[in-house]
Amino acid sequence: MTKPDLIIFDCDGVLVDSEVLSCRCLSEALAGYGIDLGLDEALDRFLGRSMTAVLEHYQALGRTIPEPFSAELRAGVRAAFQSGLSPIEGVSAVLDNLQIPHCVASSSDVDRVSLSLSLTGLAPHFDDRLYTSQMVERGKPAPDLFLYAAEQMRADPSRTLVIEDSVSGVTAGKAAGMTVWGFVGGSHYRARDGHAALSAAGADRVFGRMADFWQAERSG
């Protein structure tokens, strides 16, 4: 596939440098309910996963988290984003020059995705082409969200390119029959071997700078 018919971008860790901020908020919110989850463990366990996945994980361990948790976490994330969220370096230039149809498919809820793109000035690149785990029965690592996004964009999954930063996202994209490029340029990978993890999950290519977006294809 020299040029895809559709590019699906994950949001957190691909368009915006949010993973450390959001996982720190998750750790702090869980601490309020007596659950100890360090930042590194949060990144290992929940990177690219939805709120539902977090709640189901602890429920399976016999730790039912009270209803106020979700609202408290959303408020904490919003405050953290408003004070510290930035776009991934170089992503604006990629989007400015992109002539291929593109959209977002994220495990975050649509309000958070909209906020992230608005705060970082990326919203005009996507308009209403935002698809989230709320819209499908199963979130990542199931393929449902990517297949739904491709259907809405009227694209053949086999002609679709996914850009992902998480193992669950790479797994989902490959399960959907799509080409997947792993991106490891977010701050959450500064001290972690994201290349090995995403390659092991099945990524067709892994790259670390948006400036190398198309070079990644030529070097693969």
N, C-alpha and C. Protein backbone atom coordinates (compact mmCIF):
# COMPACT_ATOMS: atom_id res chain seq x y z
N MET A 1 0.85 -1.19 0.00
CA MET A 1 0.00 0.00 0.00
C MET A 1 0.89 1.24 0.00
N THR A 2 1.09 1.83 -1.18
CA THR A 2 1.95 3.01 -1.26
C THR A 2 1.28 4.23 -0.65
N LYS A 3 0.00 4.40 -0.89
CA LYS A 3 -0.75 5.49 -0.26
C LYS A 3 -2.13 4.95 0.11
N PRO A 4 -2.53 5.10 1.37
CA PRO A 4 -3.83 4.59 1.81
C PRO A 4 -4.98 5.45 1.31
N ASP A 5 -6.18 4.90 1.39
CA ASP A 5 -7.39 5.66 1.07
C ASP A 5 -7.90 6.42 2.28
N LEU A 6 -7.48 5.99 3.47
CA LEU A 6 -7.92 6.62 4.72
C LEU A 6 -6.81 6.47 5.75
N ILE A 7 -6.59 7.52 6.54
CA ILE A 7 -5.68 7.43 7.69
C ILE A 7 -6.49 7.68 8.96
N ILE A 8 -6.42 6.73 9.88
CA ILE A 8 -7.09 6.87 11.18
C ILE A 8 -6.03 7.16 12.23
N PHE A 9 -6.17 8.30 12.89
CA PHE A 9 -5.26 8.68 13.96
C PHE A 9 -5.89 8.37 15.32
N ASP A 10 -5.14 7.69 16.18
CA ASP A 10 -5.49 7.72 17.59
C ASP A 10 -5.27 9.16 18.06
N CYS A 11 -5.85 9.54 19.19
CA CYS A 11 -5.69 10.91 19.68
C CYS A 11 -4.58 11.00 20.73
N ASP A 12 -4.80 10.38 21.88
CA ASP A 12 -3.86 10.47 22.99
C ASP A 12 -2.54 9.80 22.63
N GLY A 13 -1.45 10.56 22.71
CA GLY A 13 -0.14 10.00 22.42
C GLY A 13 0.25 10.00 20.96
N VAL A 14 -0.68 10.38 20.09
CA VAL A 14 -0.41 10.45 18.66
C VAL A 14 -0.61 11.87 18.14
N LEU A 15 -1.75 12.47 18.46
CA LEU A 15 -2.02 13.86 18.09
C LEU A 15 -1.65 14.81 19.22
N VAL A 16 -1.95 14.41 20.45
CA VAL A 16 -1.66 15.25 21.62
C VAL A 16 -0.82 14.46 22.62
N ASP A 17 0.07 15.17 23.31
CA ASP A 17 0.99 14.52 24.24
C ASP A 17 0.33 14.44 25.62
N SER A 18 -0.62 13.53 25.73
CA SER A 18 -1.51 13.51 26.89
C SER A 18 -1.37 12.30 27.80
N GLU A 19 -0.64 11.27 27.38
CA GLU A 19 -0.68 10.01 28.11
C GLU A 19 -0.16 10.13 29.55
N VAL A 20 0.94 10.84 29.76
CA VAL A 20 1.46 11.00 31.11
C VAL A 20 0.49 11.80 31.96
N LEU A 21 -0.06 12.87 31.39
CA LEU A 21 -1.03 13.69 32.13
C LEU A 21 -2.23 12.86 32.55
N SER A 22 -2.81 12.12 31.62
CA SER A 22 -4.04 11.38 31.92
C SER A 22 -3.79 10.21 32.86
N CYS A 23 -2.67 9.52 32.69
CA CYS A 23 -2.39 8.39 33.59
C CYS A 23 -2.04 8.87 34.99
N ARG A 24 -1.42 10.04 35.11
CA ARG A 24 -1.17 10.61 36.44
C ARG A 24 -2.51 10.97 37.11
N CYS A 25 -3.43 11.51 36.33
CA CYS A 25 -4.76 11.82 36.87
C CYS A 25 -5.48 10.55 37.31
N LEU A 26 -5.34 9.48 36.54
CA LEU A 26 -5.97 8.20 36.89
C LEU A 26 -5.40 7.69 38.20
N SER A 27 -4.09 7.74 38.34
CA SER A 27 -3.43 7.29 39.57
C SER A 27 -3.92 8.08 40.77
N GLU A 28 -4.02 9.40 40.63
CA GLU A 28 -4.46 10.25 41.73
C GLU A 28 -5.93 10.01 42.07
N ALA A 29 -6.77 9.82 41.05
CA ALA A 29 -8.20 9.60 41.30
C ALA A 29 -8.43 8.26 42.01
N LEU A 30 -7.71 7.23 41.59
CA LEU A 30 -7.85 5.91 42.23
C LEU A 30 -7.35 5.95 43.67
N ALA A 31 -6.32 6.74 43.94
CA ALA A 31 -5.80 6.85 45.30
C ALA A 31 -6.88 7.35 46.26
N GLY A 32 -7.77 8.19 45.74
CA GLY A 32 -8.87 8.69 46.56
C GLY A 32 -9.84 7.62 46.99
N TYR A 33 -9.77 6.46 46.34
CA TYR A 33 -10.64 5.33 46.68
C TYR A 33 -9.83 4.16 47.24
N GLY A 34 -8.62 4.48 47.69
CA GLY A 34 -7.81 3.46 48.36
C GLY A 34 -7.12 2.49 47.45
N ILE A 35 -7.00 2.84 46.16
CA ILE A 35 -6.35 1.94 45.20
C ILE A 35 -5.00 2.54 44.81
N ASP A 36 -3.94 1.78 45.05
CA ASP A 36 -2.59 2.24 44.77
C ASP A 36 -2.20 1.83 43.35
N LEU A 37 -2.04 2.81 42.48
CA LEU A 37 -1.63 2.56 41.09
C LEU A 37 -0.60 3.62 40.72
N GLY A 38 0.65 3.20 40.62
CA GLY A 38 1.70 4.13 40.25
C GLY A 38 1.61 4.53 38.79
N LEU A 39 2.30 5.61 38.44
CA LEU A 39 2.24 6.11 37.06
C LEU A 39 2.74 5.08 36.06
N ASP A 40 3.86 4.43 36.36
CA ASP A 40 4.40 3.44 35.42
C ASP A 40 3.42 2.28 35.22
N GLU A 41 2.81 1.83 36.31
CA GLU A 41 1.85 0.73 36.21
C GLU A 41 0.61 1.17 35.43
N ALA A 42 0.19 2.41 35.65
CA ALA A 42 -0.96 2.93 34.91
C ALA A 42 -0.68 2.94 33.41
N LEU A 43 0.53 3.35 33.04
CA LEU A 43 0.91 3.36 31.62
C LEU A 43 0.99 1.94 31.07
N ASP A 44 1.54 1.02 31.85
CA ASP A 44 1.65 -0.36 31.40
C ASP A 44 0.29 -1.02 31.22
N ARG A 45 -0.61 -0.75 32.16
CA ARG A 45 -1.87 -1.48 32.20
C ARG A 45 -3.00 -0.84 31.40
N PHE A 46 -3.03 0.49 31.37
CA PHE A 46 -4.21 1.17 30.81
C PHE A 46 -3.93 2.08 29.63
N LEU A 47 -2.70 2.11 29.13
CA LEU A 47 -2.40 2.93 27.96
C LEU A 47 -3.29 2.52 26.79
N GLY A 48 -4.03 3.48 26.26
CA GLY A 48 -4.89 3.20 25.12
C GLY A 48 -6.20 2.54 25.44
N ARG A 49 -6.50 2.37 26.73
CA ARG A 49 -7.73 1.70 27.13
C ARG A 49 -8.78 2.72 27.55
N SER A 50 -10.04 2.30 27.52
CA SER A 50 -11.15 3.19 27.85
C SER A 50 -11.43 3.19 29.35
N MET A 51 -12.26 4.14 29.77
CA MET A 51 -12.71 4.19 31.16
C MET A 51 -13.41 2.90 31.54
N THR A 52 -14.19 2.36 30.64
CA THR A 52 -14.90 1.10 30.89
C THR A 52 -13.91 -0.01 31.21
N ALA A 53 -12.79 -0.04 30.48
CA ALA A 53 -11.78 -1.07 30.71
C ALA A 53 -11.17 -0.94 32.10
N VAL A 54 -10.97 0.28 32.55
CA VAL A 54 -10.43 0.51 33.90
C VAL A 54 -11.40 -0.02 34.94
N LEU A 55 -12.66 0.35 34.82
CA LEU A 55 -13.66 -0.07 35.79
C LEU A 55 -13.83 -1.58 35.79
N GLU A 56 -13.83 -2.19 34.60
CA GLU A 56 -13.99 -3.65 34.51
C GLU A 56 -12.79 -4.37 35.11
N HIS A 57 -11.61 -3.80 34.95
CA HIS A 57 -10.40 -4.42 35.52
C HIS A 57 -10.52 -4.53 37.04
N TYR A 58 -10.90 -3.44 37.67
CA TYR A 58 -10.97 -3.46 39.14
C TYR A 58 -12.19 -4.23 39.63
N GLN A 59 -13.25 -4.22 38.87
CA GLN A 59 -14.42 -5.02 39.25
C GLN A 59 -14.06 -6.50 39.25
N ALA A 60 -13.26 -6.93 38.27
CA ALA A 60 -12.83 -8.34 38.21
C ALA A 60 -11.96 -8.71 39.40
N LEU A 61 -11.31 -7.71 39.99
CA LEU A 61 -10.48 -7.94 41.17
C LEU A 61 -11.28 -7.79 42.47
N GLY A 62 -12.59 -7.58 42.32
CA GLY A 62 -13.43 -7.42 43.49
C GLY A 62 -13.41 -6.02 44.07
N ARG A 63 -12.94 -5.04 43.29
CA ARG A 63 -12.86 -3.65 43.76
C ARG A 63 -13.84 -2.81 42.95
N THR A 64 -15.06 -2.76 43.36
CA THR A 64 -16.05 -1.93 42.68
C THR A 64 -15.80 -0.47 43.02
N ILE A 65 -15.63 0.35 42.00
CA ILE A 65 -15.33 1.77 42.20
C ILE A 65 -16.63 2.56 42.18
N PRO A 66 -16.89 3.37 43.21
CA PRO A 66 -18.15 4.14 43.28
C PRO A 66 -18.36 5.05 42.08
N GLU A 67 -19.60 5.36 41.82
CA GLU A 67 -20.01 6.13 40.64
C GLU A 67 -19.32 7.50 40.52
N PRO A 68 -19.09 8.24 41.62
CA PRO A 68 -18.47 9.56 41.47
C PRO A 68 -17.07 9.54 40.86
N PHE A 69 -16.42 8.39 40.85
CA PHE A 69 -15.05 8.30 40.34
C PHE A 69 -14.92 8.84 38.92
N SER A 70 -15.81 8.43 38.04
CA SER A 70 -15.69 8.80 36.63
C SER A 70 -15.75 10.32 36.44
N ALA A 71 -16.69 10.95 37.14
CA ALA A 71 -16.82 12.41 37.03
C ALA A 71 -15.60 13.11 37.63
N GLU A 72 -15.09 12.57 38.73
CA GLU A 72 -13.91 13.16 39.35
C GLU A 72 -12.69 13.04 38.44
N LEU A 73 -12.55 11.89 37.80
CA LEU A 73 -11.43 11.70 36.89
C LEU A 73 -11.54 12.63 35.69
N ARG A 74 -12.71 12.75 35.13
CA ARG A 74 -12.91 13.65 33.99
C ARG A 74 -12.55 15.09 34.36
N ALA A 75 -12.96 15.51 35.55
CA ALA A 75 -12.66 16.88 36.00
C ALA A 75 -11.16 17.07 36.18
N GLY A 76 -10.49 16.06 36.74
CA GLY A 76 -9.04 16.15 36.92
C GLY A 76 -8.30 16.20 35.60
N VAL A 77 -8.73 15.39 34.66
CA VAL A 77 -8.10 15.37 33.34
C VAL A 77 -8.31 16.71 32.63
N ARG A 78 -9.52 17.23 32.72
CA ARG A 78 -9.81 18.51 32.06
C ARG A 78 -8.89 19.61 32.61
N ALA A 79 -8.74 19.65 33.93
CA ALA A 79 -7.88 20.67 34.53
C ALA A 79 -6.42 20.49 34.12
N ALA A 80 -5.97 19.24 34.10
CA ALA A 80 -4.58 18.96 33.71
C ALA A 80 -4.34 19.33 32.25
N PHE A 81 -5.30 19.02 31.39
CA PHE A 81 -5.18 19.34 29.97
C PHE A 81 -5.16 20.85 29.75
N GLN A 82 -6.03 21.56 30.45
CA GLN A 82 -6.12 23.00 30.25
C GLN A 82 -4.84 23.71 30.67
N SER A 83 -4.10 23.11 31.60
CA SER A 83 -2.88 23.76 32.08
C SER A 83 -1.61 23.22 31.43
N GLY A 84 -1.68 22.01 30.86
CA GLY A 84 -0.42 21.43 30.39
C GLY A 84 -0.43 20.63 29.11
N LEU A 85 -1.55 20.59 28.38
CA LEU A 85 -1.60 19.76 27.17
C LEU A 85 -0.94 20.46 25.98
N SER A 86 -0.19 19.71 25.22
CA SER A 86 0.42 20.25 24.00
C SER A 86 0.25 19.25 22.87
N PRO A 87 0.28 19.73 21.63
CA PRO A 87 0.23 18.81 20.50
C PRO A 87 1.54 18.05 20.39
N ILE A 88 1.50 16.88 19.78
CA ILE A 88 2.73 16.16 19.48
C ILE A 88 3.55 17.01 18.50
N GLU A 89 4.84 17.13 18.78
CA GLU A 89 5.70 17.96 17.94
C GLU A 89 5.66 17.48 16.49
N GLY A 90 5.39 18.42 15.60
CA GLY A 90 5.41 18.13 14.17
C GLY A 90 4.10 17.64 13.59
N VAL A 91 3.11 17.35 14.44
CA VAL A 91 1.87 16.77 13.90
C VAL A 91 1.07 17.79 13.10
N SER A 92 1.13 19.05 13.49
CA SER A 92 0.40 20.07 12.73
C SER A 92 0.86 20.13 11.29
N ALA A 93 2.17 20.04 11.08
CA ALA A 93 2.71 20.08 9.72
C ALA A 93 2.25 18.88 8.91
N VAL A 94 2.21 17.71 9.55
CA VAL A 94 1.72 16.51 8.87
C VAL A 94 0.29 16.72 8.41
N LEU A 95 -0.54 17.21 9.32
CA LEU A 95 -1.96 17.40 9.00
C LEU A 95 -2.18 18.51 7.98
N ASP A 96 -1.37 19.57 8.06
CA ASP A 96 -1.49 20.67 7.10
C ASP A 96 -1.28 20.19 5.67
N ASN A 97 -0.39 19.24 5.50
CA ASN A 97 -0.02 18.77 4.16
C ASN A 97 -0.73 17.49 3.74
N LEU A 98 -1.63 16.99 4.57
CA LEU A 98 -2.26 15.70 4.30
C LEU A 98 -3.40 15.86 3.31
N GLN A 99 -3.29 15.17 2.19
CA GLN A 99 -4.32 15.23 1.14
C GLN A 99 -5.20 13.98 1.15
N ILE A 100 -4.95 13.09 2.07
CA ILE A 100 -5.69 11.83 2.17
C ILE A 100 -6.80 11.98 3.22
N PRO A 101 -8.01 11.45 2.99
CA PRO A 101 -9.06 11.51 4.01
C PRO A 101 -8.55 10.95 5.34
N HIS A 102 -8.93 11.60 6.44
CA HIS A 102 -8.43 11.20 7.75
C HIS A 102 -9.46 11.49 8.83
N CYS A 103 -9.33 10.75 9.93
CA CYS A 103 -10.26 10.89 11.04
C CYS A 103 -9.55 10.47 12.32
N VAL A 104 -10.27 10.59 13.44
CA VAL A 104 -9.76 10.18 14.75
C VAL A 104 -10.58 8.99 15.24
N ALA A 105 -9.90 8.01 15.84
CA ALA A 105 -10.59 6.90 16.52
C ALA A 105 -9.90 6.71 17.87
N SER A 106 -10.60 7.04 18.95
CA SER A 106 -9.98 7.11 20.27
C SER A 106 -10.76 6.34 21.32
N SER A 107 -10.02 5.82 22.30
CA SER A 107 -10.66 5.16 23.44
C SER A 107 -11.24 6.17 24.42
N SER A 108 -10.82 7.43 24.33
CA SER A 108 -11.36 8.47 25.18
C SER A 108 -12.78 8.83 24.73
N ASP A 109 -13.56 9.47 25.62
CA ASP A 109 -14.90 9.87 25.22
C ASP A 109 -14.82 11.09 24.31
N VAL A 110 -15.90 11.33 23.60
CA VAL A 110 -15.88 12.35 22.55
C VAL A 110 -15.66 13.74 23.13
N ASP A 111 -16.14 14.01 24.34
CA ASP A 111 -15.92 15.33 24.94
C ASP A 111 -14.44 15.57 25.20
N ARG A 112 -13.75 14.52 25.68
CA ARG A 112 -12.31 14.67 25.94
C ARG A 112 -11.53 14.82 24.65
N VAL A 113 -11.88 14.07 23.63
CA VAL A 113 -11.20 14.21 22.34
C VAL A 113 -11.41 15.61 21.78
N SER A 114 -12.63 16.08 21.84
CA SER A 114 -12.93 17.42 21.34
C SER A 114 -12.14 18.48 22.10
N LEU A 115 -12.08 18.34 23.43
CA LEU A 115 -11.32 19.27 24.25
C LEU A 115 -9.85 19.24 23.87
N SER A 116 -9.29 18.04 23.74
CA SER A 116 -7.87 17.89 23.41
C SER A 116 -7.53 18.57 22.09
N LEU A 117 -8.34 18.34 21.08
CA LEU A 117 -8.07 18.92 19.77
C LEU A 117 -8.28 20.42 19.77
N SER A 118 -9.26 20.90 20.53
CA SER A 118 -9.51 22.33 20.63
C SER A 118 -8.37 23.05 21.32
N LEU A 119 -7.91 22.50 22.45
CA LEU A 119 -6.84 23.14 23.22
C LEU A 119 -5.54 23.21 22.44
N THR A 120 -5.31 22.25 21.57
CA THR A 120 -4.04 22.19 20.83
C THR A 120 -4.13 22.76 19.42
N GLY A 121 -5.28 23.27 19.05
CA GLY A 121 -5.44 23.88 17.74
C GLY A 121 -5.58 22.91 16.59
N LEU A 122 -5.82 21.63 16.90
CA LEU A 122 -5.90 20.61 15.86
C LEU A 122 -7.33 20.32 15.38
N ALA A 123 -8.31 20.87 16.08
CA ALA A 123 -9.72 20.55 15.76
C ALA A 123 -10.10 20.80 14.31
N PRO A 124 -9.67 21.90 13.67
CA PRO A 124 -10.07 22.15 12.28
C PRO A 124 -9.64 21.06 11.30
N HIS A 125 -8.64 20.28 11.67
CA HIS A 125 -8.17 19.22 10.77
C HIS A 125 -9.13 18.03 10.72
N PHE A 126 -10.06 17.96 11.69
CA PHE A 126 -10.91 16.77 11.78
C PHE A 126 -12.40 17.08 11.77
N ASP A 127 -12.79 18.31 12.07
CA ASP A 127 -14.21 18.67 12.12
C ASP A 127 -14.98 17.67 12.98
N ASP A 128 -15.99 17.02 12.41
CA ASP A 128 -16.80 16.07 13.19
C ASP A 128 -16.39 14.62 12.93
N ARG A 129 -15.23 14.41 12.35
CA ARG A 129 -14.79 13.05 12.04
C ARG A 129 -14.07 12.45 13.25
N LEU A 130 -14.81 12.37 14.34
CA LEU A 130 -14.29 11.86 15.61
C LEU A 130 -15.09 10.63 16.01
N TYR A 131 -14.43 9.52 16.17
CA TYR A 131 -15.08 8.26 16.53
C TYR A 131 -14.45 7.74 17.83
N THR A 132 -15.29 7.34 18.76
CA THR A 132 -14.78 6.94 20.08
C THR A 132 -15.38 5.62 20.52
N SER A 133 -14.81 5.08 21.59
CA SER A 133 -15.24 3.77 22.09
C SER A 133 -16.68 3.78 22.56
N GLN A 134 -17.24 4.98 22.83
CA GLN A 134 -18.64 5.07 23.21
C GLN A 134 -19.58 4.62 22.09
N MET A 135 -19.08 4.63 20.87
CA MET A 135 -19.91 4.37 19.70
C MET A 135 -19.97 2.91 19.30
N VAL A 136 -19.19 2.06 19.96
CA VAL A 136 -19.15 0.64 19.60
C VAL A 136 -19.31 -0.23 20.84
N GLU A 137 -19.59 -1.50 20.62
CA GLU A 137 -19.81 -2.41 21.74
C GLU A 137 -18.52 -2.72 22.48
N ARG A 138 -17.46 -2.91 21.74
CA ARG A 138 -16.17 -3.27 22.35
C ARG A 138 -15.10 -2.27 21.96
N GLY A 139 -14.36 -1.80 22.95
CA GLY A 139 -13.26 -0.88 22.68
C GLY A 139 -12.00 -1.64 22.31
N LYS A 140 -10.92 -0.89 22.06
CA LYS A 140 -9.62 -1.50 21.80
C LYS A 140 -9.23 -2.37 23.00
N PRO A 141 -8.65 -3.55 22.79
CA PRO A 141 -7.98 -4.05 21.58
C PRO A 141 -8.89 -4.76 20.57
N ALA A 142 -10.20 -4.77 20.78
CA ALA A 142 -11.11 -5.31 19.76
C ALA A 142 -11.07 -4.39 18.54
N PRO A 143 -11.37 -4.91 17.36
CA PRO A 143 -11.27 -4.09 16.13
C PRO A 143 -12.48 -3.20 15.87
N ASP A 144 -13.50 -3.29 16.71
CA ASP A 144 -14.79 -2.64 16.43
C ASP A 144 -14.67 -1.16 16.08
N LEU A 145 -13.91 -0.41 16.87
CA LEU A 145 -13.85 1.04 16.67
C LEU A 145 -13.22 1.39 15.33
N PHE A 146 -12.15 0.72 14.96
CA PHE A 146 -11.51 1.03 13.69
C PHE A 146 -12.39 0.63 12.51
N LEU A 147 -13.07 -0.50 12.64
CA LEU A 147 -13.98 -0.92 11.58
C LEU A 147 -15.14 0.06 11.44
N TYR A 148 -15.64 0.55 12.58
CA TYR A 148 -16.73 1.53 12.56
C TYR A 148 -16.27 2.82 11.89
N ALA A 149 -15.08 3.29 12.25
CA ALA A 149 -14.56 4.52 11.65
C ALA A 149 -14.40 4.37 10.14
N ALA A 150 -13.86 3.24 9.71
CA ALA A 150 -13.68 3.01 8.27
C ALA A 150 -15.03 2.97 7.56
N GLU A 151 -16.01 2.34 8.20
CA GLU A 151 -17.35 2.29 7.60
C GLU A 151 -17.95 3.68 7.46
N GLN A 152 -17.81 4.50 8.51
CA GLN A 152 -18.35 5.85 8.46
C GLN A 152 -17.64 6.70 7.41
N MET A 153 -16.37 6.43 7.20
CA MET A 153 -15.59 7.18 6.22
C MET A 153 -15.64 6.54 4.83
N ARG A 154 -16.39 5.44 4.71
CA ARG A 154 -16.58 4.73 3.45
C ARG A 154 -15.24 4.28 2.86
N ALA A 155 -14.44 3.66 3.70
CA ALA A 155 -13.13 3.19 3.28
C ALA A 155 -13.00 1.69 3.50
N ASP A 156 -12.25 1.04 2.63
CA ASP A 156 -11.94 -0.38 2.75
C ASP A 156 -10.89 -0.55 3.85
N PRO A 157 -11.15 -1.39 4.86
CA PRO A 157 -10.15 -1.60 5.92
C PRO A 157 -8.78 -1.97 5.38
N SER A 158 -8.72 -2.74 4.30
CA SER A 158 -7.43 -3.16 3.77
C SER A 158 -6.67 -2.01 3.11
N ARG A 159 -7.36 -0.89 2.87
CA ARG A 159 -6.74 0.29 2.28
C ARG A 159 -6.63 1.42 3.31
N THR A 160 -6.70 1.04 4.58
CA THR A 160 -6.69 2.02 5.68
C THR A 160 -5.41 1.92 6.48
N LEU A 161 -4.84 3.06 6.83
CA LEU A 161 -3.65 3.14 7.67
C LEU A 161 -4.04 3.69 9.03
N VAL A 162 -3.59 3.01 10.09
CA VAL A 162 -3.84 3.43 11.47
C VAL A 162 -2.53 3.91 12.09
N ILE A 163 -2.59 5.03 12.83
CA ILE A 163 -1.43 5.53 13.56
C ILE A 163 -1.75 5.39 15.04
N GLU A 164 -0.98 4.57 15.74
CA GLU A 164 -1.28 4.22 17.14
C GLU A 164 -0.03 4.25 18.01
N ASP A 165 -0.23 4.53 19.29
CA ASP A 165 0.90 4.54 20.22
C ASP A 165 0.80 3.46 21.28
N SER A 166 -0.28 2.69 21.31
CA SER A 166 -0.46 1.69 22.37
C SER A 166 -0.54 0.28 21.81
N VAL A 167 -0.19 -0.68 22.64
CA VAL A 167 -0.30 -2.09 22.25
C VAL A 167 -1.74 -2.44 21.94
N SER A 168 -2.67 -1.96 22.77
CA SER A 168 -4.09 -2.28 22.53
C SER A 168 -4.55 -1.69 21.20
N GLY A 169 -4.08 -0.50 20.86
CA GLY A 169 -4.47 0.13 19.61
C GLY A 169 -3.88 -0.58 18.40
N VAL A 170 -2.61 -0.96 18.50
CA VAL A 170 -1.99 -1.71 17.41
C VAL A 170 -2.70 -3.04 17.20
N THR A 171 -3.00 -3.71 18.31
CA THR A 171 -3.71 -4.99 18.23
C THR A 171 -5.06 -4.82 17.56
N ALA A 172 -5.77 -3.76 17.91
CA ALA A 172 -7.09 -3.49 17.33
C ALA A 172 -7.00 -3.22 15.84
N GLY A 173 -6.02 -2.41 15.44
CA GLY A 173 -5.87 -2.08 14.03
C GLY A 173 -5.53 -3.29 13.18
N LYS A 174 -4.64 -4.14 13.69
CA LYS A 174 -4.29 -5.34 12.94
C LYS A 174 -5.48 -6.31 12.86
N ALA A 175 -6.23 -6.40 13.96
CA ALA A 175 -7.42 -7.28 13.97
C ALA A 175 -8.47 -6.79 12.97
N ALA A 176 -8.44 -5.49 12.68
CA ALA A 176 -9.38 -4.91 11.71
C ALA A 176 -8.91 -5.10 10.28
N GLY A 177 -7.72 -5.70 10.10
CA GLY A 177 -7.20 -5.92 8.77
C GLY A 177 -6.55 -4.70 8.15
N MET A 178 -6.10 -3.77 8.99
CA MET A 178 -5.52 -2.52 8.53
C MET A 178 -4.01 -2.52 8.67
N THR A 179 -3.35 -1.65 7.94
CA THR A 179 -1.93 -1.39 8.14
C THR A 179 -1.79 -0.49 9.35
N VAL A 180 -0.84 -0.80 10.22
CA VAL A 180 -0.69 -0.02 11.46
C VAL A 180 0.75 0.46 11.60
N TRP A 181 0.91 1.76 11.81
CA TRP A 181 2.20 2.33 12.15
C TRP A 181 2.18 2.69 13.63
N GLY A 182 3.15 2.20 14.36
CA GLY A 182 3.28 2.55 15.76
C GLY A 182 4.07 3.84 15.91
N PHE A 183 3.59 4.73 16.79
CA PHE A 183 4.26 6.00 17.03
C PHE A 183 4.76 6.05 18.46
N VAL A 184 6.04 6.35 18.63
CA VAL A 184 6.63 6.34 19.98
C VAL A 184 7.28 7.68 20.32
N GLY A 185 6.72 8.77 19.79
CA GLY A 185 7.29 10.09 20.03
C GLY A 185 6.69 10.84 21.20
N GLY A 186 5.70 10.25 21.87
CA GLY A 186 5.10 10.90 23.03
C GLY A 186 6.00 10.84 24.24
N SER A 187 5.79 11.73 25.20
CA SER A 187 6.66 11.80 26.38
C SER A 187 6.60 10.54 27.22
N HIS A 188 5.54 9.76 27.09
CA HIS A 188 5.42 8.53 27.89
C HIS A 188 6.40 7.45 27.43
N TYR A 189 7.03 7.66 26.28
CA TYR A 189 8.01 6.67 25.80
C TYR A 189 9.46 7.13 25.98
N ARG A 190 9.68 8.22 26.67
CA ARG A 190 11.06 8.70 26.83
C ARG A 190 11.93 7.70 27.59
N ALA A 191 11.33 7.02 28.56
CA ALA A 191 12.11 6.06 29.36
C ALA A 191 11.58 4.64 29.19
N ARG A 192 10.90 4.39 28.08
CA ARG A 192 10.29 3.08 27.87
C ARG A 192 10.58 2.63 26.44
N ASP A 193 10.71 1.32 26.25
CA ASP A 193 10.99 0.78 24.92
C ASP A 193 9.69 0.53 24.17
N GLY A 194 9.13 1.61 23.67
CA GLY A 194 7.89 1.48 22.93
C GLY A 194 8.06 0.76 21.60
N HIS A 195 9.22 0.90 20.99
CA HIS A 195 9.46 0.27 19.69
C HIS A 195 9.28 -1.24 19.78
N ALA A 196 9.89 -1.84 20.80
CA ALA A 196 9.79 -3.29 20.96
C ALA A 196 8.36 -3.72 21.24
N ALA A 197 7.67 -2.98 22.11
CA ALA A 197 6.30 -3.35 22.49
C ALA A 197 5.35 -3.27 21.30
N LEU A 198 5.44 -2.20 20.52
CA LEU A 198 4.52 -2.04 19.40
C LEU A 198 4.86 -2.98 18.25
N SER A 199 6.14 -3.24 18.06
CA SER A 199 6.55 -4.21 17.04
C SER A 199 6.04 -5.60 17.40
N ALA A 200 6.16 -5.96 18.68
CA ALA A 200 5.70 -7.27 19.13
C ALA A 200 4.18 -7.40 18.99
N ALA A 201 3.47 -6.27 19.10
CA ALA A 201 2.00 -6.29 18.97
C ALA A 201 1.56 -6.41 17.52
N GLY A 202 2.52 -6.24 16.57
CA GLY A 202 2.19 -6.42 15.16
C GLY A 202 2.28 -5.18 14.30
N ALA A 203 2.79 -4.08 14.85
CA ALA A 203 2.90 -2.86 14.04
C ALA A 203 3.74 -3.11 12.80
N ASP A 204 3.29 -2.59 11.67
CA ASP A 204 4.00 -2.78 10.41
C ASP A 204 5.26 -1.92 10.37
N ARG A 205 5.22 -0.77 11.01
CA ARG A 205 6.37 0.11 11.16
C ARG A 205 6.24 0.84 12.48
N VAL A 206 7.37 1.26 13.02
CA VAL A 206 7.38 2.07 14.24
C VAL A 206 8.29 3.26 13.99
N PHE A 207 7.82 4.46 14.33
CA PHE A 207 8.64 5.66 14.13
C PHE A 207 8.46 6.59 15.33
N GLY A 208 9.40 7.51 15.49
CA GLY A 208 9.41 8.32 16.69
C GLY A 208 9.31 9.82 16.49
N ARG A 209 9.24 10.27 15.23
CA ARG A 209 9.11 11.70 14.96
C ARG A 209 8.09 11.93 13.86
N MET A 210 7.17 12.85 14.08
CA MET A 210 6.20 13.16 13.04
C MET A 210 6.88 13.73 11.80
N ALA A 211 8.06 14.32 11.98
CA ALA A 211 8.81 14.82 10.82
C ALA A 211 9.19 13.69 9.87
N ASP A 212 9.19 12.46 10.39
CA ASP A 212 9.54 11.29 9.58
C ASP A 212 8.30 10.50 9.15
N PHE A 213 7.14 11.14 9.18
CA PHE A 213 5.88 10.43 8.93
C PHE A 213 5.94 9.62 7.64
N TRP A 214 6.23 10.26 6.51
CA TRP A 214 6.26 9.52 5.24
C TRP A 214 7.59 8.82 5.03
N GLN A 215 8.67 9.31 5.65
CA GLN A 215 9.94 8.60 5.58
C GLN A 215 9.83 7.23 6.20
N ALA A 216 8.95 7.11 7.21
CA ALA A 216 8.74 5.81 7.84
C ALA A 216 8.28 4.79 6.82
N GLU A 217 7.45 5.26 5.87
CA GLU A 217 6.95 4.35 4.83
C GLU A 217 8.09 3.94 3.89
N ARG A 218 8.91 4.91 3.51
CA ARG A 218 9.96 4.61 2.53
C ARG A 218 11.05 3.72 3.12
N SER A 219 11.23 3.82 4.45
CA SER A 219 12.29 3.02 5.07
C SER A 219 11.83 1.65 5.50
N GLY A 220 10.50 1.39 5.36
CA GLY A 220 9.97 0.11 5.82
C GLY A 220 10.24 -1.00 4.83
